[in-house]
Amino acid sequence: GVDFDNTMKLGQEWQDADGLPWPGVPNVGPTL
């Protein structure tokens, strides 16, 4: 790995990840 620690990190050594989306129209949060 990049840090020579035998640890493959998301966002560093690899990028692909899929979660679970909301099936309808999302309620977008406020902006400060």
PDB file of all heavy atoms in Angstrom:
ATOM      1  N   GLY A   1       0.804  -1.208   0.000  1.00  0.00           N
ATOM      2  CA  GLY A   1       0.000   0.000   0.000  1.00  0.00           C
ATOM      3  C   GLY A   1       0.839   1.261   0.000  1.00  0.00           C
ATOM      4  O   GLY A   1       2.061   1.238   0.184  1.00  0.00           O
ATOM      5  N   VAL A   2       0.180   2.402  -0.178  1.00  0.00           N
ATOM      6  CA  VAL A   2       0.874   3.685  -0.294  1.00  0.00           C
ATOM      7  C   VAL A   2       1.703   3.996   0.948  1.00  0.00           C
ATOM      8  O   VAL A   2       2.817   4.514   0.868  1.00  0.00           O
ATOM      9  CB  VAL A   2      -0.143   4.812  -0.568  1.00  0.00           C
ATOM     10  CG1 VAL A   2       0.546   6.177  -0.545  1.00  0.00           C
ATOM     11  CG2 VAL A   2      -0.826   4.595  -1.915  1.00  0.00           C
ATOM     12  N   ASP A   3       1.155   3.685   2.132  1.00  0.00           N
ATOM     13  CA  ASP A   3       1.849   3.998   3.383  1.00  0.00           C
ATOM     14  C   ASP A   3       2.743   2.859   3.861  1.00  0.00           C
ATOM     15  O   ASP A   3       3.271   2.917   4.975  1.00  0.00           O
ATOM     16  CB  ASP A   3       0.830   4.337   4.478  1.00  0.00           C
ATOM     17  CG  ASP A   3       0.015   5.581   4.143  1.00  0.00           C
ATOM     18  OD1 ASP A   3       0.585   6.479   3.499  1.00  0.00           O
ATOM     19  OD2 ASP A   3      -1.168   5.645   4.509  1.00  0.00           O
ATOM     20  N   PHE A   4       2.876   1.801   3.056  1.00  0.00           N
ATOM     21  CA  PHE A   4       3.707   0.653   3.406  1.00  0.00           C
ATOM     22  C   PHE A   4       3.281   0.028   4.745  1.00  0.00           C
ATOM     23  O   PHE A   4       4.118  -0.408   5.531  1.00  0.00           O
ATOM     24  CB  PHE A   4       5.193   1.046   3.434  1.00  0.00           C
ATOM     25  CG  PHE A   4       5.722   1.419   2.088  1.00  0.00           C
ATOM     26  CD1 PHE A   4       5.672   2.739   1.654  1.00  0.00           C
ATOM     27  CD2 PHE A   4       6.249   0.459   1.239  1.00  0.00           C
ATOM     28  CE1 PHE A   4       6.140   3.092   0.397  1.00  0.00           C
ATOM     29  CE2 PHE A   4       6.725   0.804  -0.016  1.00  0.00           C
ATOM     30  CZ  PHE A   4       6.665   2.126  -0.446  1.00  0.00           C
ATOM     31  N   ASP A   5       1.964   0.013   4.992  1.00  0.00           N
ATOM     32  CA  ASP A   5       1.443  -0.541   6.243  1.00  0.00           C
ATOM     33  C   ASP A   5       0.540  -1.748   6.006  1.00  0.00           C
ATOM     34  O   ASP A   5      -0.176  -2.172   6.916  1.00  0.00           O
ATOM     35  CB  ASP A   5       0.680   0.528   7.027  1.00  0.00           C
ATOM     36  CG  ASP A   5      -0.459   1.152   6.223  1.00  0.00           C
ATOM     37  OD1 ASP A   5      -0.668   0.740   5.064  1.00  0.00           O
ATOM     38  OD2 ASP A   5      -1.141   2.057   6.752  1.00  0.00           O
ATOM     39  N   ASN A   6       0.564  -2.289   4.774  1.00  0.00           N
ATOM     40  CA  ASN A   6      -0.265  -3.451   4.419  1.00  0.00           C
ATOM     41  C   ASN A   6      -1.745  -3.196   4.683  1.00  0.00           C
ATOM     42  O   ASN A   6      -2.496  -4.103   5.032  1.00  0.00           O
ATOM     43  CB  ASN A   6       0.188  -4.701   5.186  1.00  0.00           C
ATOM     44  CG  ASN A   6       1.580  -5.154   4.792  1.00  0.00           C
ATOM     45  OD1 ASN A   6       2.533  -4.950   5.544  1.00  0.00           O
ATOM     46  ND2 ASN A   6       1.704  -5.744   3.612  1.00  0.00           N
ATOM     47  N   THR A   7      -2.154  -1.959   4.492  1.00  0.00           N
ATOM     48  CA  THR A   7      -3.545  -1.576   4.697  1.00  0.00           C
ATOM     49  C   THR A   7      -4.044  -0.842   3.468  1.00  0.00           C
ATOM     50  O   THR A   7      -3.510   0.216   3.119  1.00  0.00           O
ATOM     51  CB  THR A   7      -3.703  -0.681   5.940  1.00  0.00           C
ATOM     52  OG1 THR A   7      -3.187  -1.370   7.086  1.00  0.00           O
ATOM     53  CG2 THR A   7      -5.165  -0.346   6.185  1.00  0.00           C
ATOM     54  N   MET A   8      -5.047  -1.392   2.815  1.00  0.00           N
ATOM     55  CA  MET A   8      -5.609  -0.804   1.612  1.00  0.00           C
ATOM     56  C   MET A   8      -6.788   0.071   2.014  1.00  0.00           C
ATOM     57  O   MET A   8      -7.808  -0.419   2.501  1.00  0.00           O
ATOM     58  CB  MET A   8      -6.056  -1.904   0.653  1.00  0.00           C
ATOM     59  CG  MET A   8      -4.985  -2.981   0.390  1.00  0.00           C
ATOM     60  SD  MET A   8      -3.476  -2.297  -0.337  1.00  0.00           S
ATOM     61  CE  MET A   8      -4.080  -1.928  -1.968  1.00  0.00           C
ATOM     62  N   LYS A   9      -6.653   1.380   1.808  1.00  0.00           N
ATOM     63  CA  LYS A   9      -7.609   2.348   2.337  1.00  0.00           C
ATOM     64  C   LYS A   9      -8.499   2.920   1.233  1.00  0.00           C
ATOM     65  O   LYS A   9      -8.003   3.319   0.170  1.00  0.00           O
ATOM     66  CB  LYS A   9      -6.864   3.492   3.033  1.00  0.00           C
ATOM     67  CG  LYS A   9      -5.889   3.040   4.104  1.00  0.00           C
ATOM     68  CD  LYS A   9      -5.089   4.218   4.634  1.00  0.00           C
ATOM     69  CE  LYS A   9      -3.958   3.756   5.532  1.00  0.00           C
ATOM     70  NZ  LYS A   9      -2.911   3.002   4.813  1.00  0.00           N
ATOM     71  N   LEU A  10      -9.795   2.998   1.517  1.00  0.00           N
ATOM     72  CA  LEU A  10     -10.722   3.656   0.606  1.00  0.00           C
ATOM     73  C   LEU A  10     -10.350   5.130   0.498  1.00  0.00           C
ATOM     74  O   LEU A  10     -10.083   5.795   1.494  1.00  0.00           O
ATOM     75  CB  LEU A  10     -12.157   3.523   1.115  1.00  0.00           C
ATOM     76  CG  LEU A  10     -13.238   4.235   0.298  1.00  0.00           C
ATOM     77  CD1 LEU A  10     -13.328   3.686  -1.120  1.00  0.00           C
ATOM     78  CD2 LEU A  10     -14.595   4.135   0.993  1.00  0.00           C
ATOM     79  N   GLY A  11     -10.328   5.642  -0.735  1.00  0.00           N
ATOM     80  CA  GLY A  11      -9.946   7.029  -0.967  1.00  0.00           C
ATOM     81  C   GLY A  11      -8.462   7.213  -1.174  1.00  0.00           C
ATOM     82  O   GLY A  11      -8.021   8.297  -1.568  1.00  0.00           O
ATOM     83  N   GLN A  12      -7.684   6.158  -0.954  1.00  0.00           N
ATOM     84  CA  GLN A  12      -6.239   6.241  -1.164  1.00  0.00           C
ATOM     85  C   GLN A  12      -5.785   5.158  -2.138  1.00  0.00           C
ATOM     86  O   GLN A  12      -5.373   5.447  -3.260  1.00  0.00           O
ATOM     87  CB  GLN A  12      -5.491   6.129   0.166  1.00  0.00           C
ATOM     88  CG  GLN A  12      -3.983   6.280   0.041  1.00  0.00           C
ATOM     89  CD  GLN A  12      -3.325   6.524   1.383  1.00  0.00           C
ATOM     90  OE1 GLN A  12      -3.532   7.558   2.007  1.00  0.00           O
ATOM     91  NE2 GLN A  12      -2.538   5.567   1.837  1.00  0.00           N
ATOM     92  N   GLU A  13      -5.858   3.889  -1.734  1.00  0.00           N
ATOM     93  CA  GLU A  13      -5.489   2.801  -2.633  1.00  0.00           C
ATOM     94  C   GLU A  13      -6.627   2.402  -3.578  1.00  0.00           C
ATOM     95  O   GLU A  13      -6.382   1.859  -4.640  1.00  0.00           O
ATOM     96  CB  GLU A  13      -5.061   1.568  -1.835  1.00  0.00           C
ATOM     97  CG  GLU A  13      -3.634   1.613  -1.314  1.00  0.00           C
ATOM     98  CD  GLU A  13      -3.520   2.335   0.021  1.00  0.00           C
ATOM     99  OE1 GLU A  13      -4.574   2.749   0.573  1.00  0.00           O
ATOM    100  OE2 GLU A  13      -2.405   2.493   0.517  1.00  0.00           O
ATOM    101  N   TRP A  14      -7.864   2.638  -3.168  1.00  0.00           N
ATOM    102  CA  TRP A  14      -9.007   2.247  -4.005  1.00  0.00           C
ATOM    103  C   TRP A  14     -10.165   3.215  -3.806  1.00  0.00           C
ATOM    104  O   TRP A  14     -10.215   3.956  -2.825  1.00  0.00           O
ATOM    105  CB  TRP A  14      -9.425   0.800  -3.722  1.00  0.00           C
ATOM    106  CG  TRP A  14      -9.682   0.472  -2.272  1.00  0.00           C
ATOM    107  CD1 TRP A  14      -8.749   0.302  -1.286  1.00  0.00           C
ATOM    108  CD2 TRP A  14     -10.954   0.270  -1.652  1.00  0.00           C
ATOM    109  NE1 TRP A  14      -9.358   0.009  -0.091  1.00  0.00           N
ATOM    110  CE2 TRP A  14     -10.705  -0.032  -0.282  1.00  0.00           C
ATOM    111  CE3 TRP A  14     -12.273   0.289  -2.110  1.00  0.00           C
ATOM    112  CZ2 TRP A  14     -11.735  -0.292   0.615  1.00  0.00           C
ATOM    113  CZ3 TRP A  14     -13.289   0.024  -1.205  1.00  0.00           C
ATOM    114  CH2 TRP A  14     -13.020  -0.263   0.132  1.00  0.00           C
ATOM    115  N   GLN A  15     -11.105   3.200  -4.787  1.00  0.00           N
ATOM    116  CA  GLN A  15     -12.146   4.228  -4.831  1.00  0.00           C
ATOM    117  C   GLN A  15     -13.577   3.673  -4.935  1.00  0.00           C
ATOM    118  O   GLN A  15     -14.524   4.389  -4.633  1.00  0.00           O
ATOM    119  CB  GLN A  15     -11.918   5.159  -6.034  1.00  0.00           C
ATOM    120  CG  GLN A  15     -10.500   5.678  -6.198  1.00  0.00           C
ATOM    121  CD  GLN A  15     -10.051   6.565  -5.064  1.00  0.00           C
ATOM    122  OE1 GLN A  15     -10.855   7.331  -4.530  1.00  0.00           O
ATOM    123  NE2 GLN A  15      -8.788   6.466  -4.678  1.00  0.00           N
ATOM    124  N   ASP A  16     -13.754   2.448  -5.393  1.00  0.00           N
ATOM    125  CA  ASP A  16     -15.090   1.956  -5.745  1.00  0.00           C
ATOM    126  C   ASP A  16     -15.868   1.497  -4.521  1.00  0.00           C
ATOM    127  O   ASP A  16     -15.448   0.563  -3.812  1.00  0.00           O
ATOM    128  CB  ASP A  16     -14.984   0.789  -6.733  1.00  0.00           C
ATOM    129  CG  ASP A  16     -14.484   1.228  -8.096  1.00  0.00           C
ATOM    130  OD1 ASP A  16     -14.430   2.455  -8.334  1.00  0.00           O
ATOM    131  OD2 ASP A  16     -14.151   0.359  -8.918  1.00  0.00           O
ATOM    132  N   ALA A  17     -17.021   2.121  -4.271  1.00  0.00           N
ATOM    133  CA  ALA A  17     -17.881   1.744  -3.150  1.00  0.00           C
ATOM    134  C   ALA A  17     -19.316   2.113  -3.500  1.00  0.00           C
ATOM    135  O   ALA A  17     -19.577   3.202  -4.018  1.00  0.00           O
ATOM    136  CB  ALA A  17     -17.444   2.438  -1.867  1.00  0.00           C
ATOM    137  N   ASP A  18     -20.259   1.215  -3.216  1.00  0.00           N
ATOM    138  CA  ASP A  18     -21.681   1.459  -3.458  1.00  0.00           C
ATOM    139  C   ASP A  18     -22.470   1.203  -2.185  1.00  0.00           C
ATOM    140  O   ASP A  18     -22.386   0.108  -1.595  1.00  0.00           O
ATOM    141  CB  ASP A  18     -22.204   0.543  -4.570  1.00  0.00           C
ATOM    142  CG  ASP A  18     -21.781   1.016  -5.953  1.00  0.00           C
ATOM    143  OD1 ASP A  18     -21.678   2.244  -6.149  1.00  0.00           O
ATOM    144  OD2 ASP A  18     -21.526   0.162  -6.822  1.00  0.00           O
ATOM    145  N   GLY A  19     -23.239   2.196  -1.766  1.00  0.00           N
ATOM    146  CA  GLY A  19     -24.085   2.070  -0.591  1.00  0.00           C
ATOM    147  C   GLY A  19     -25.528   1.772  -0.970  1.00  0.00           C
ATOM    148  O   GLY A  19     -25.806   1.143  -1.993  1.00  0.00           O
ATOM    149  N   LEU A  20     -26.452   2.268  -0.142  1.00  0.00           N
ATOM    150  CA  LEU A  20     -27.880   2.070  -0.377  1.00  0.00           C
ATOM    151  C   LEU A  20     -28.551   3.423  -0.554  1.00  0.00           C
ATOM    152  O   LEU A  20     -28.594   4.228   0.388  1.00  0.00           O
ATOM    153  CB  LEU A  20     -28.524   1.332   0.807  1.00  0.00           C
ATOM    154  CG  LEU A  20     -27.960  -0.043   1.172  1.00  0.00           C
ATOM    155  CD1 LEU A  20     -28.708  -0.607   2.376  1.00  0.00           C
ATOM    156  CD2 LEU A  20     -28.026  -0.999  -0.005  1.00  0.00           C
ATOM    157  N   PRO A  21     -29.082   3.728  -1.730  1.00  0.00           N
ATOM    158  CA  PRO A  21     -29.753   5.021  -1.944  1.00  0.00           C
ATOM    159  C   PRO A  21     -31.144   5.050  -1.329  1.00  0.00           C
ATOM    160  O   PRO A  21     -31.727   4.010  -1.004  1.00  0.00           O
ATOM    161  CB  PRO A  21     -29.821   5.120  -3.475  1.00  0.00           C
ATOM    162  CG  PRO A  21     -29.869   3.695  -3.927  1.00  0.00           C
ATOM    163  CD  PRO A  21     -29.013   2.920  -2.954  1.00  0.00           C
ATOM    164  N   TRP A  22     -31.669   6.252  -1.154  1.00  0.00           N
ATOM    165  CA  TRP A  22     -33.069   6.441  -0.769  1.00  0.00           C
ATOM    166  C   TRP A  22     -33.919   6.259  -2.021  1.00  0.00           C
ATOM    167  O   TRP A  22     -33.612   6.846  -3.056  1.00  0.00           O
ATOM    168  CB  TRP A  22     -33.272   7.822  -0.165  1.00  0.00           C
ATOM    169  CG  TRP A  22     -34.673   8.096   0.278  1.00  0.00           C
ATOM    170  CD1 TRP A  22     -35.610   8.836  -0.393  1.00  0.00           C
ATOM    171  CD2 TRP A  22     -35.300   7.639   1.477  1.00  0.00           C
ATOM    172  NE1 TRP A  22     -36.778   8.860   0.319  1.00  0.00           N
ATOM    173  CE2 TRP A  22     -36.627   8.132   1.468  1.00  0.00           C
ATOM    174  CE3 TRP A  22     -34.875   6.845   2.547  1.00  0.00           C
ATOM    175  CZ2 TRP A  22     -37.525   7.867   2.503  1.00  0.00           C
ATOM    176  CZ3 TRP A  22     -35.764   6.593   3.579  1.00  0.00           C
ATOM    177  CH2 TRP A  22     -37.069   7.094   3.548  1.00  0.00           C
ATOM    178  N   PRO A  23     -35.002   5.480  -1.966  1.00  0.00           N
ATOM    179  CA  PRO A  23     -35.735   5.160  -3.193  1.00  0.00           C
ATOM    180  C   PRO A  23     -36.621   6.269  -3.736  1.00  0.00           C
ATOM    181  O   PRO A  23     -37.014   6.246  -4.901  1.00  0.00           O
ATOM    182  CB  PRO A  23     -36.585   3.952  -2.776  1.00  0.00           C
ATOM    183  CG  PRO A  23     -36.796   4.146  -1.304  1.00  0.00           C
ATOM    184  CD  PRO A  23     -35.517   4.749  -0.800  1.00  0.00           C
ATOM    185  N   GLY A  24     -36.946   7.261  -2.910  1.00  0.00           N
ATOM    186  CA  GLY A  24     -37.811   8.343  -3.367  1.00  0.00           C
ATOM    187  C   GLY A  24     -37.050   9.636  -3.534  1.00  0.00           C
ATOM    188  O   GLY A  24     -35.836   9.652  -3.766  1.00  0.00           O
ATOM    189  N   VAL A  25     -37.767  10.741  -3.418  1.00  0.00           N
ATOM    190  CA  VAL A  25     -37.162  12.071  -3.510  1.00  0.00           C
ATOM    191  C   VAL A  25     -36.561  12.419  -2.158  1.00  0.00           C
ATOM    192  O   VAL A  25     -37.274  12.447  -1.144  1.00  0.00           O
ATOM    193  CB  VAL A  25     -38.202  13.130  -3.921  1.00  0.00           C
ATOM    194  CG1 VAL A  25     -37.565  14.513  -3.962  1.00  0.00           C
ATOM    195  CG2 VAL A  25     -38.827  12.775  -5.264  1.00  0.00           C
ATOM    196  N   PRO A  26     -35.256  12.654  -2.079  1.00  0.00           N
ATOM    197  CA  PRO A  26     -34.638  12.932  -0.782  1.00  0.00           C
ATOM    198  C   PRO A  26     -34.972  14.322  -0.268  1.00  0.00           C
ATOM    199  O   PRO A  26     -35.180  15.263  -1.037  1.00  0.00           O
ATOM    200  CB  PRO A  26     -33.143  12.808  -1.081  1.00  0.00           C
ATOM    201  CG  PRO A  26     -33.020  13.163  -2.527  1.00  0.00           C
ATOM    202  CD  PRO A  26     -34.278  12.639  -3.182  1.00  0.00           C
ATOM    203  N   ASN A  27     -35.049  14.437   1.047  1.00  0.00           N
ATOM    204  CA  ASN A  27     -35.187  15.728   1.704  1.00  0.00           C
ATOM    205  C   ASN A  27     -33.790  16.302   1.881  1.00  0.00           C
ATOM    206  O   ASN A  27     -33.019  15.828   2.713  1.00  0.00           O
ATOM    207  CB  ASN A  27     -35.880  15.558   3.059  1.00  0.00           C
ATOM    208  CG  ASN A  27     -35.953  16.866   3.831  1.00  0.00           C
ATOM    209  OD1 ASN A  27     -35.935  17.934   3.233  1.00  0.00           O
ATOM    210  ND2 ASN A  27     -36.023  16.777   5.142  1.00  0.00           N
ATOM    211  N   VAL A  28     -33.450  17.285   1.085  1.00  0.00           N
ATOM    212  CA  VAL A  28     -32.100  17.859   1.105  1.00  0.00           C
ATOM    213  C   VAL A  28     -31.918  18.692   2.369  1.00  0.00           C
ATOM    214  O   VAL A  28     -32.791  19.477   2.741  1.00  0.00           O
ATOM    215  CB  VAL A  28     -31.848  18.718  -0.146  1.00  0.00           C
ATOM    216  CG1 VAL A  28     -30.444  19.301  -0.111  1.00  0.00           C
ATOM    217  CG2 VAL A  28     -32.057  17.883  -1.396  1.00  0.00           C
ATOM    218  N   GLY A  29     -30.809  18.509   3.034  1.00  0.00           N
ATOM    219  CA  GLY A  29     -30.555  19.208   4.286  1.00  0.00           C
ATOM    220  C   GLY A  29     -30.282  20.689   4.102  1.00  0.00           C
ATOM    221  O   GLY A  29     -30.004  21.162   2.998  1.00  0.00           O
ATOM    222  N   PRO A  30     -30.378  21.457   5.187  1.00  0.00           N
ATOM    223  CA  PRO A  30     -30.136  22.901   5.118  1.00  0.00           C
ATOM    224  C   PRO A  30     -28.665  23.226   4.912  1.00  0.00           C
ATOM    225  O   PRO A  30     -27.782  22.388   5.135  1.00  0.00           O
ATOM    226  CB  PRO A  30     -30.620  23.403   6.486  1.00  0.00           C
ATOM    227  CG  PRO A  30     -30.438  22.225   7.389  1.00  0.00           C
ATOM    228  CD  PRO A  30     -30.720  21.013   6.551  1.00  0.00           C
ATOM    229  N   THR A  31     -28.405  24.464   4.498  1.00  0.00           N
ATOM    230  CA  THR A  31     -27.047  24.956   4.277  1.00  0.00           C
ATOM    231  C   THR A  31     -26.775  26.110   5.225  1.00  0.00           C
ATOM    232  O   THR A  31     -27.550  27.076   5.283  1.00  0.00           O
ATOM    233  CB  THR A  31     -26.865  25.436   2.829  1.00  0.00           C
ATOM    234  OG1 THR A  31     -27.106  24.344   1.933  1.00  0.00           O
ATOM    235  CG2 THR A  31     -25.456  25.959   2.610  1.00  0.00           C
ATOM    236  N   LEU A  32     -25.695  26.009   5.969  1.00  0.00           N
ATOM    237  CA  LEU A  32     -25.289  27.068   6.888  1.00  0.00           C
ATOM    238  C   LEU A  32     -24.335  28.012   6.177  1.00  0.00           C
ATOM    239  O   LEU A  32     -23.334  27.579   5.606  1.00  0.00           O
ATOM    240  CB  LEU A  32     -24.617  26.471   8.118  1.00  0.00           C
ATOM    241  CG  LEU A  32     -24.158  27.423   9.217  1.00  0.00           C
ATOM    242  CD1 LEU A  32     -25.336  28.163   9.819  1.00  0.00           C
ATOM    243  CD2 LEU A  32     -23.399  26.645  10.293  1.00  0.00           C
TER     244      LEU A  32
END
